[in-house]
Protein backbone atom coordinates (compact mmCIF):
# COMPACT_ATOMS: atom_id res chain seq x y z
CA MET A 1 63.43 5.84 36.32
CA ASP A 2 63.92 8.79 34.02
CA LEU A 3 61.86 11.68 35.34
CA ASP A 4 60.06 13.59 32.65
CA ARG A 5 61.62 16.94 33.56
CA ASN A 6 61.28 18.40 30.13
CA VAL A 7 59.94 21.81 31.08
CA PRO A 8 62.87 24.25 31.05
CA PHE A 9 63.16 26.48 34.09
CA ASP A 10 64.30 30.07 33.69
CA VAL A 11 66.40 30.49 36.82
CA GLU A 12 67.26 34.15 36.11
CA ALA A 13 63.60 35.13 35.76
CA TYR A 14 62.74 33.17 38.91
CA VAL A 15 65.47 34.88 40.93
CA ALA A 16 64.40 38.31 39.69
CA ARG A 17 60.78 37.56 40.58
CA VAL A 18 61.36 36.23 44.11
CA ARG A 19 63.77 39.03 44.97
CA SER A 20 61.39 41.77 43.81
CA SER A 21 57.96 40.38 44.72
CA PRO A 22 56.15 40.21 48.03
CA CYS A 23 56.35 36.97 50.01
CA PHE A 24 54.63 34.20 48.06
CA ILE A 25 53.79 32.19 51.19
CA CYS A 26 52.12 35.20 52.80
CA ALA A 27 50.16 35.62 49.53
CA ILE A 28 49.03 31.98 49.67
CA VAL A 29 48.02 32.36 53.33
CA ALA A 30 46.01 35.46 52.33
CA GLY A 31 44.22 33.50 49.57
CA ASP A 32 45.76 35.31 46.58
CA PRO A 33 44.13 33.77 43.46
CA ALA A 34 47.43 33.98 41.54
CA TYR A 35 48.58 30.87 43.42
CA THR A 36 46.20 28.18 42.20
CA LEU A 37 48.90 25.62 41.37
CA GLU A 38 49.94 25.78 45.01
CA GLN A 39 46.96 23.68 46.06
CA ILE A 40 46.60 23.61 49.83
CA VAL A 41 46.58 20.05 51.16
CA TYR A 42 46.73 20.76 54.88
CA GLU A 43 45.88 23.72 57.05
CA ASP A 44 45.48 24.33 60.75
CA ASP A 45 45.48 27.53 62.76
CA ARG A 46 49.28 27.97 62.51
CA HIS A 47 50.52 25.89 59.53
CA LEU A 48 49.97 25.38 55.85
CA ALA A 49 51.05 22.65 53.41
CA PHE A 50 50.74 23.15 49.68
CA LEU A 51 51.98 21.80 46.36
CA ALA A 52 55.11 23.29 44.87
CA ARG A 53 54.57 25.45 41.77
CA TYR A 54 57.77 24.16 40.15
CA PRO A 55 58.04 20.48 41.11
CA THR A 56 61.16 18.56 40.21
CA MET A 57 59.59 15.34 41.48
CA PRO A 58 55.97 14.14 41.64
CA GLY A 59 54.41 14.98 44.99
CA TYR A 60 56.72 17.90 45.85
CA LEU A 61 55.14 19.99 48.61
CA LEU A 62 56.03 22.81 50.98
CA VAL A 63 55.06 23.17 54.64
CA SER A 64 55.25 26.50 56.42
CA PRO A 65 54.02 28.39 59.40
CA LYS A 66 51.30 30.86 58.45
CA GLN A 67 53.06 33.62 60.36
CA HIS A 68 55.94 35.20 58.45
CA ILE A 69 58.86 33.64 60.28
CA GLU A 70 62.29 33.55 58.66
CA HIS A 71 64.57 31.32 60.74
CA ALA A 72 63.91 27.63 61.32
CA VAL A 73 65.28 27.47 64.84
CA ARG A 74 65.86 30.88 66.41
CA ASP A 75 62.48 32.37 65.42
CA LEU A 76 60.52 29.46 66.92
CA ASP A 77 60.43 28.34 70.50
CA GLU A 78 60.89 24.61 71.03
CA ASP A 79 57.17 23.82 71.14
CA ALA A 80 56.45 25.77 67.94
CA TYR A 81 59.39 24.10 66.19
CA LEU A 82 58.22 20.64 67.26
CA ASP A 83 54.64 21.44 66.21
CA LEU A 84 55.90 22.44 62.76
CA MET A 85 57.94 19.23 62.52
CA ARG A 86 54.84 17.20 63.45
CA VAL A 87 53.03 18.79 60.50
CA VAL A 88 56.00 18.06 58.21
CA ARG A 89 55.93 14.41 59.33
CA LYS A 90 52.14 14.09 59.01
CA VAL A 91 52.10 15.58 55.52
CA THR A 92 55.12 13.51 54.45
CA LEU A 93 53.43 10.28 55.51
CA ALA A 94 50.33 11.26 53.54
CA VAL A 95 52.38 12.12 50.45
CA GLU A 96 54.29 8.83 50.68
CA SER A 97 50.98 6.95 50.82
CA VAL A 98 49.86 8.37 47.44
CA VAL A 99 53.15 8.99 45.59
CA PRO A 100 55.65 6.14 45.21
CA SER A 101 58.95 7.12 46.76
CA GLU A 102 62.28 5.46 47.41
CA ARG A 103 63.11 8.14 49.96
CA THR A 104 61.66 11.51 50.82
CA TYR A 105 63.94 14.51 51.12
CA LEU A 106 63.07 17.02 53.83
CA LEU A 107 64.86 20.33 53.88
CA SER A 108 64.39 23.96 54.64
CA LEU A 109 65.60 26.35 51.97
CA GLY A 110 65.25 30.07 51.39
CA SER A 111 67.31 33.09 52.23
CA GLN A 112 67.01 36.62 53.52
CA GLN A 113 67.52 37.62 49.87
CA GLY A 114 64.55 35.66 48.52
CA ASN A 115 61.89 33.22 49.71
CA ALA A 116 62.62 34.35 53.26
CA HIS A 117 59.40 32.93 54.78
CA LEU A 118 60.33 29.72 56.60
CA HIS A 119 59.26 26.61 54.69
CA TRP A 120 60.13 22.94 54.56
CA HIS A 121 60.38 21.07 51.28
CA ILE A 122 58.89 17.59 51.10
CA ALA A 123 60.35 15.99 47.99
CA PRO A 124 59.61 12.30 47.32
CA LEU A 125 62.30 10.61 45.22
CA PRO A 126 60.70 8.25 42.68
CA PRO A 127 61.81 4.61 42.95
CA GLY A 128 64.46 3.67 40.42
CA THR A 129 65.89 7.16 39.98
CA PRO A 130 69.53 6.65 38.94
CA TYR A 131 71.91 7.56 41.74
CA GLU A 132 73.55 10.37 39.76
CA ARG A 133 70.10 12.02 39.43
CA GLN A 134 69.27 11.78 43.16
CA GLN A 135 69.94 14.10 46.08
CA PHE A 136 70.73 17.70 45.10
CA HIS A 137 70.46 16.90 41.39
CA ALA A 138 66.86 15.77 41.92
CA LEU A 139 65.99 19.00 43.70
CA MET A 140 67.59 21.43 41.25
CA SER A 141 65.13 23.11 38.91
CA GLU A 142 68.07 23.99 36.66
CA HIS A 143 67.69 20.45 35.30
CA GLY A 144 64.08 21.22 34.36
CA VAL A 145 60.78 20.77 36.12
CA ILE A 146 58.08 18.19 35.53
CA PRO A 147 55.10 19.16 33.38
CA TRP A 148 52.39 20.43 35.69
CA THR A 149 48.80 21.42 35.00
CA GLN A 150 46.03 22.79 37.17
CA ALA A 151 44.10 19.51 36.75
CA GLN A 152 47.12 17.47 37.88
CA ALA A 153 47.62 19.76 40.88
CA GLU A 154 43.97 19.44 41.89
CA ASP A 155 44.04 15.65 41.51
CA LEU A 156 47.21 15.20 43.56
CA ALA A 157 45.99 17.63 46.22
CA ALA A 158 42.70 15.74 46.53
CA ARG A 159 44.56 12.43 46.98
CA VAL A 160 46.88 13.89 49.62
CA ARG A 161 43.95 15.51 51.44
CA GLN A 162 42.15 12.16 51.45
CA ALA A 163 45.24 10.46 52.90
CA LEU A 164 45.36 13.12 55.61
CA ALA A 165 41.67 12.68 56.48
């Protein structure tokens, strides 16, 4: 499968924005209307799952604690870590039920220098993706992002929410 990643991604502008702006996850948790592409698909009292603004694969989502936590292991006690992983698993299963995937990548990215709020990426690899375009290549926005509209985000979010219901 050849992913239609024909939307160029300006990495320099992205880096400048995330390093100089307030935490985007905290903004989503607060309901900031600037984050409408990041449709929320799951929410409980401590966690949030939402669509990625710059997806490199269909169905790309992020899961995070609502509280601004920065380290995946040392900032969470074992129960909180396992609760977060249960949400990651639950959301991943829902995504896989509505988006065809050969494999789903799960990883935590971010840095103290940008995107510091702990979050897990759920990235479903489309079936038939050539091997040389899988793994890190599939995740890298430097290779472009898929076209993404508000209507597409709302449709996908509705389907994932239904699968979670």
